[in-house]
Amino acid sequence: MVDLSGALQGMMFEPLRDENYFSRVSVDPELETVVWPNGADFAPEFLKERLF
């Protein structure tokens, strides 16, 4: 589990604040991270640092 609440800022990430849009997440096998239809993604290292 990762808390992204503090990271959802800016034009690319604000749409992810909407629960319905956030749920459209998928895993990009090439990037090896989570992505959304608008092109938003988080580096795997960023996500690993925020695991709890």
PDB file of N, CA and C in Angstrom:
ATOM      1  N   MET A   1       0.848  -1.166   0.000  1.00  0.00           N
ATOM      2  CA  MET A   1       0.000   0.000   0.000  1.00  0.00           C
ATOM      3  C   MET A   1       0.898   1.235   0.000  1.00  0.00           C
ATOM      4  N   VAL A   2       0.505   2.226  -0.792  1.00  0.00           N
ATOM      5  CA  VAL A   2       1.266   3.466  -0.931  1.00  0.00           C
ATOM      6  C   VAL A   2       0.317   4.643  -0.776  1.00  0.00           C
ATOM      7  N   ASP A   3       0.696   5.620   0.029  1.00  0.00           N
ATOM      8  CA  ASP A   3      -0.087   6.848   0.192  1.00  0.00           C
ATOM      9  C   ASP A   3       0.388   7.871  -0.823  1.00  0.00           C
ATOM     10  N   LEU A   4      -0.438   8.156  -1.813  1.00  0.00           N
ATOM     11  CA  LEU A   4      -0.095   9.123  -2.852  1.00  0.00           C
ATOM     12  C   LEU A   4      -0.785  10.469  -2.659  1.00  0.00           C
ATOM     13  N   SER A   5      -1.499  10.637  -1.569  1.00  0.00           N
ATOM     14  CA  SER A   5      -2.296  11.852  -1.378  1.00  0.00           C
ATOM     15  C   SER A   5      -1.459  13.127  -1.502  1.00  0.00           C
ATOM     16  N   GLY A   6      -0.237  13.122  -1.037  1.00  0.00           N
ATOM     17  CA  GLY A   6       0.607  14.307  -1.126  1.00  0.00           C
ATOM     18  C   GLY A   6       1.259  14.491  -2.489  1.00  0.00           C
ATOM     19  N   ALA A   7       1.140  13.491  -3.348  1.00  0.00           N
ATOM     20  CA  ALA A   7       1.808  13.537  -4.655  1.00  0.00           C
ATOM     21  C   ALA A   7       0.858  13.874  -5.800  1.00  0.00           C
ATOM     22  N   LEU A   8      -0.419  14.027  -5.509  1.00  0.00           N
ATOM     23  CA  LEU A   8      -1.402  14.251  -6.566  1.00  0.00           C
ATOM     24  C   LEU A   8      -1.614  15.743  -6.803  1.00  0.00           C
ATOM     25  N   GLN A   9      -0.564  16.403  -7.235  1.00  0.00           N
ATOM     26  CA  GLN A   9      -0.604  17.833  -7.505  1.00  0.00           C
ATOM     27  C   GLN A   9      -0.143  18.090  -8.925  1.00  0.00           C
ATOM     28  N   GLY A  10      -0.621  19.167  -9.505  1.00  0.00           N
ATOM     29  CA  GLY A  10      -0.243  19.527 -10.867  1.00  0.00           C
ATOM     30  C   GLY A  10      -1.233  18.980 -11.880  1.00  0.00           C
ATOM     31  N   MET A  11      -1.169  19.513 -13.081  1.00  0.00           N
ATOM     32  CA  MET A  11      -2.137  19.164 -14.127  1.00  0.00           C
ATOM     33  C   MET A  11      -2.208  17.674 -14.408  1.00  0.00           C
ATOM     34  N   MET A  12      -1.092  16.992 -14.405  1.00  0.00           N
ATOM     35  CA  MET A  12      -1.061  15.579 -14.751  1.00  0.00           C
ATOM     36  C   MET A  12      -1.677  14.706 -13.658  1.00  0.00           C
ATOM     37  N   PHE A  13      -1.471  15.088 -12.396  1.00  0.00           N
ATOM     38  CA  PHE A  13      -1.864  14.220 -11.294  1.00  0.00           C
ATOM     39  C   PHE A  13      -3.190  14.594 -10.628  1.00  0.00           C
ATOM     40  N   GLU A  14      -3.674  15.816 -10.795  1.00  0.00           N
ATOM     41  CA  GLU A  14      -4.935  16.211 -10.162  1.00  0.00           C
ATOM     42  C   GLU A  14      -6.118  15.342 -10.572  1.00  0.00           C
ATOM     43  N   PRO A  15      -6.223  14.888 -11.827  1.00  0.00           N
ATOM     44  CA  PRO A  15      -7.344  14.000 -12.166  1.00  0.00           C
ATOM     45  C   PRO A  15      -7.367  12.714 -11.327  1.00  0.00           C
ATOM     46  N   LEU A  16      -6.222  12.314 -10.790  1.00  0.00           N
ATOM     47  CA  LEU A  16      -6.153  11.088  -9.989  1.00  0.00           C
ATOM     48  C   LEU A  16      -6.818  11.248  -8.629  1.00  0.00           C
ATOM     49  N   ARG A  17      -7.134  12.472  -8.253  1.00  0.00           N
ATOM     50  CA  ARG A  17      -7.858  12.710  -6.996  1.00  0.00           C
ATOM     51  C   ARG A  17      -9.291  12.184  -7.071  1.00  0.00           C
ATOM     52  N   ASP A  18      -9.817  12.051  -8.277  1.00  0.00           N
ATOM     53  CA  ASP A  18     -11.156  11.498  -8.474  1.00  0.00           C
ATOM     54  C   ASP A  18     -11.059   9.970  -8.378  1.00  0.00           C
ATOM     55  N   GLU A  19     -11.773   9.401  -7.430  1.00  0.00           N
ATOM     56  CA  GLU A  19     -11.695   7.960  -7.169  1.00  0.00           C
ATOM     57  C   GLU A  19     -12.014   7.118  -8.406  1.00  0.00           C
ATOM     58  N   ASN A  20     -13.001   7.543  -9.172  1.00  0.00           N
ATOM     59  CA  ASN A  20     -13.360   6.791 -10.380  1.00  0.00           C
ATOM     60  C   ASN A  20     -12.243   6.822 -11.407  1.00  0.00           C
ATOM     61  N   TYR A  21     -11.614   7.965 -11.570  1.00  0.00           N
ATOM     62  CA  TYR A  21     -10.503   8.058 -12.516  1.00  0.00           C
ATOM     63  C   TYR A  21      -9.292   7.290 -11.998  1.00  0.00           C
ATOM     64  N   PHE A  22      -9.018   7.422 -10.704  1.00  0.00           N
ATOM     65  CA  PHE A  22      -7.878   6.722 -10.111  1.00  0.00           C
ATOM     66  C   PHE A  22      -7.987   5.215 -10.343  1.00  0.00           C
ATOM     67  N   SER A  23      -9.201   4.699 -10.290  1.00  0.00           N
ATOM     68  CA  SER A  23      -9.416   3.253 -10.445  1.00  0.00           C
ATOM     69  C   SER A  23      -9.117   2.759 -11.861  1.00  0.00           C
ATOM     70  N   ARG A  24      -8.862   3.657 -12.798  1.00  0.00           N
ATOM     71  CA  ARG A  24      -8.536   3.267 -14.177  1.00  0.00           C
ATOM     72  C   ARG A  24      -7.050   2.951 -14.334  1.00  0.00           C
ATOM     73  N   VAL A  25      -6.376   2.752 -13.238  1.00  0.00           N
ATOM     74  CA  VAL A  25      -4.952   2.441 -13.214  1.00  0.00           C
ATOM     75  C   VAL A  25      -4.675   1.111 -13.928  1.00  0.00           C
ATOM     76  N   SER A  26      -3.499   1.028 -14.529  1.00  0.00           N
ATOM     77  CA  SER A  26      -3.035  -0.227 -15.111  1.00  0.00           C
ATOM     78  C   SER A  26      -1.519  -0.292 -14.914  1.00  0.00           C
ATOM     79  N   VAL A  27      -0.953  -1.443 -15.205  1.00  0.00           N
ATOM     80  CA  VAL A  27       0.497  -1.612 -15.099  1.00  0.00           C
ATOM     81  C   VAL A  27       1.071  -1.638 -16.504  1.00  0.00           C
ATOM     82  N   ASP A  28       2.034  -0.761 -16.740  1.00  0.00           N
ATOM     83  CA  ASP A  28       2.717  -0.727 -18.032  1.00  0.00           C
ATOM     84  C   ASP A  28       3.907  -1.682 -17.954  1.00  0.00           C
ATOM     85  N   PRO A  29       3.878  -2.768 -18.723  1.00  0.00           N
ATOM     86  CA  PRO A  29       4.967  -3.749 -18.635  1.00  0.00           C
ATOM     87  C   PRO A  29       6.314  -3.205 -19.105  1.00  0.00           C
ATOM     88  N   GLU A  30       6.301  -2.243 -19.993  1.00  0.00           N
ATOM     89  CA  GLU A  30       7.552  -1.662 -20.472  1.00  0.00           C
ATOM     90  C   GLU A  30       8.175  -0.740 -19.428  1.00  0.00           C
ATOM     91  N   LEU A  31       7.344   0.117 -18.820  1.00  0.00           N
ATOM     92  CA  LEU A  31       7.830   1.034 -17.782  1.00  0.00           C
ATOM     93  C   LEU A  31       7.960   0.359 -16.427  1.00  0.00           C
ATOM     94  N   GLU A  32       7.264  -0.773 -16.258  1.00  0.00           N
ATOM     95  CA  GLU A  32       7.237  -1.521 -15.003  1.00  0.00           C
ATOM     96  C   GLU A  32       6.748  -0.665 -13.842  1.00  0.00           C
ATOM     97  N   THR A  33       5.672   0.075 -14.097  1.00  0.00           N
ATOM     98  CA  THR A  33       5.056   0.896 -13.064  1.00  0.00           C
ATOM     99  C   THR A  33       3.586   1.092 -13.393  1.00  0.00           C
ATOM    100  N   VAL A  34       2.872   1.735 -12.484  1.00  0.00           N
ATOM    101  CA  VAL A  34       1.455   2.014 -12.684  1.00  0.00           C
ATOM    102  C   VAL A  34       1.290   3.258 -13.549  1.00  0.00           C
ATOM    103  N   VAL A  35       0.270   3.235 -14.401  1.00  0.00           N
ATOM    104  CA  VAL A  35      -0.011   4.350 -15.308  1.00  0.00           C
ATOM    105  C   VAL A  35      -1.513   4.577 -15.386  1.00  0.00           C
ATOM    106  N   TRP A  36      -1.893   5.775 -15.822  1.00  0.00           N
ATOM    107  CA  TRP A  36      -3.291   6.134 -16.016  1.00  0.00           C
ATOM    108  C   TRP A  36      -3.490   6.595 -17.453  1.00  0.00           C
ATOM    109  N   PRO A  37      -4.743   6.603 -17.927  1.00  0.00           N
ATOM    110  CA  PRO A  37      -5.013   6.956 -19.328  1.00  0.00           C
ATOM    111  C   PRO A  37      -4.476   8.317 -19.767  1.00  0.00           C
ATOM    112  N   ASN A  38      -4.329   9.260 -18.845  1.00  0.00           N
ATOM    113  CA  ASN A  38      -3.838  10.589 -19.232  1.00  0.00           C
ATOM    114  C   ASN A  38      -2.318  10.648 -19.321  1.00  0.00           C
ATOM    115  N   GLY A  39      -1.645   9.519 -19.097  1.00  0.00           N
ATOM    116  CA  GLY A  39      -0.195   9.482 -19.177  1.00  0.00           C
ATOM    117  C   GLY A  39       0.509   9.650 -17.841  1.00  0.00           C
ATOM    118  N   ALA A  40      -0.249   9.882 -16.777  1.00  0.00           N
ATOM    119  CA  ALA A  40       0.362  10.003 -15.449  1.00  0.00           C
ATOM    120  C   ALA A  40       0.974   8.668 -15.044  1.00  0.00           C
ATOM    121  N   ASP A  41       2.139   8.739 -14.426  1.00  0.00           N
ATOM    122  CA  ASP A  41       2.771   7.541 -13.882  1.00  0.00           C
ATOM    123  C   ASP A  41       3.693   7.956 -12.746  1.00  0.00           C
ATOM    124  N   PHE A  42       4.129   6.983 -11.991  1.00  0.00           N
ATOM    125  CA  PHE A  42       5.069   7.214 -10.902  1.00  0.00           C
ATOM    126  C   PHE A  42       6.241   6.273 -11.095  1.00  0.00           C
ATOM    127  N   ALA A  43       7.436   6.790 -10.904  1.00  0.00           N
ATOM    128  CA  ALA A  43       8.630   5.959 -11.010  1.00  0.00           C
ATOM    129  C   ALA A  43       8.567   4.857  -9.951  1.00  0.00           C
ATOM    130  N   PRO A  44       8.984   3.653 -10.302  1.00  0.00           N
ATOM    131  CA  PRO A  44       8.961   2.562  -9.314  1.00  0.00           C
ATOM    132  C   PRO A  44       9.729   2.915  -8.039  1.00  0.00           C
ATOM    133  N   GLU A  45      10.832   3.631  -8.160  1.00  0.00           N
ATOM    134  CA  GLU A  45      11.616   4.018  -6.991  1.00  0.00           C
ATOM    135  C   GLU A  45      10.814   4.927  -6.063  1.00  0.00           C
ATOM    136  N   PHE A  46      10.054   5.840  -6.664  1.00  0.00           N
ATOM    137  CA  PHE A  46       9.205   6.755  -5.896  1.00  0.00           C
ATOM    138  C   PHE A  46       8.183   5.956  -5.102  1.00  0.00           C
ATOM    139  N   LEU A  47       7.559   4.967  -5.733  1.00  0.00           N
ATOM    140  CA  LEU A  47       6.558   4.146  -5.061  1.00  0.00           C
ATOM    141  C   LEU A  47       7.171   3.304  -3.940  1.00  0.00           C
ATOM    142  N   LYS A  48       8.330   2.721  -4.202  1.00  0.00           N
ATOM    143  CA  LYS A  48       8.994   1.892  -3.185  1.00  0.00           C
ATOM    144  C   LYS A  48       9.353   2.679  -1.950  1.00  0.00           C
ATOM    145  N   GLU A  49       9.748   3.942  -2.121  1.00  0.00           N
ATOM    146  CA  GLU A  49      10.092   4.795  -0.989  1.00  0.00           C
ATOM    147  C   GLU A  49       8.890   5.081  -0.101  1.00  0.00           C
ATOM    148  N   ARG A  50       7.693   4.977  -0.654  1.00  0.00           N
ATOM    149  CA  ARG A  50       6.482   5.331   0.085  1.00  0.00           C
ATOM    150  C   ARG A  50       5.675   4.128   0.542  1.00  0.00           C
ATOM    151  N   LEU A  51       6.214   2.927   0.399  1.00  0.00           N
ATOM    152  CA  LEU A  51       5.527   1.734   0.894  1.00  0.00           C
ATOM    153  C   LEU A  51       5.357   1.776   2.385  1.00  0.00           C
ATOM    154  N   PHE A  52       4.204   1.291   2.829  1.00  0.00           N
ATOM    155  CA  PHE A  52       4.014   1.122   4.286  1.00  0.00           C
ATOM    156  C   PHE A  52       3.230  -0.105   4.564  1.00  0.00           C
TER     157      PHE A  52
END
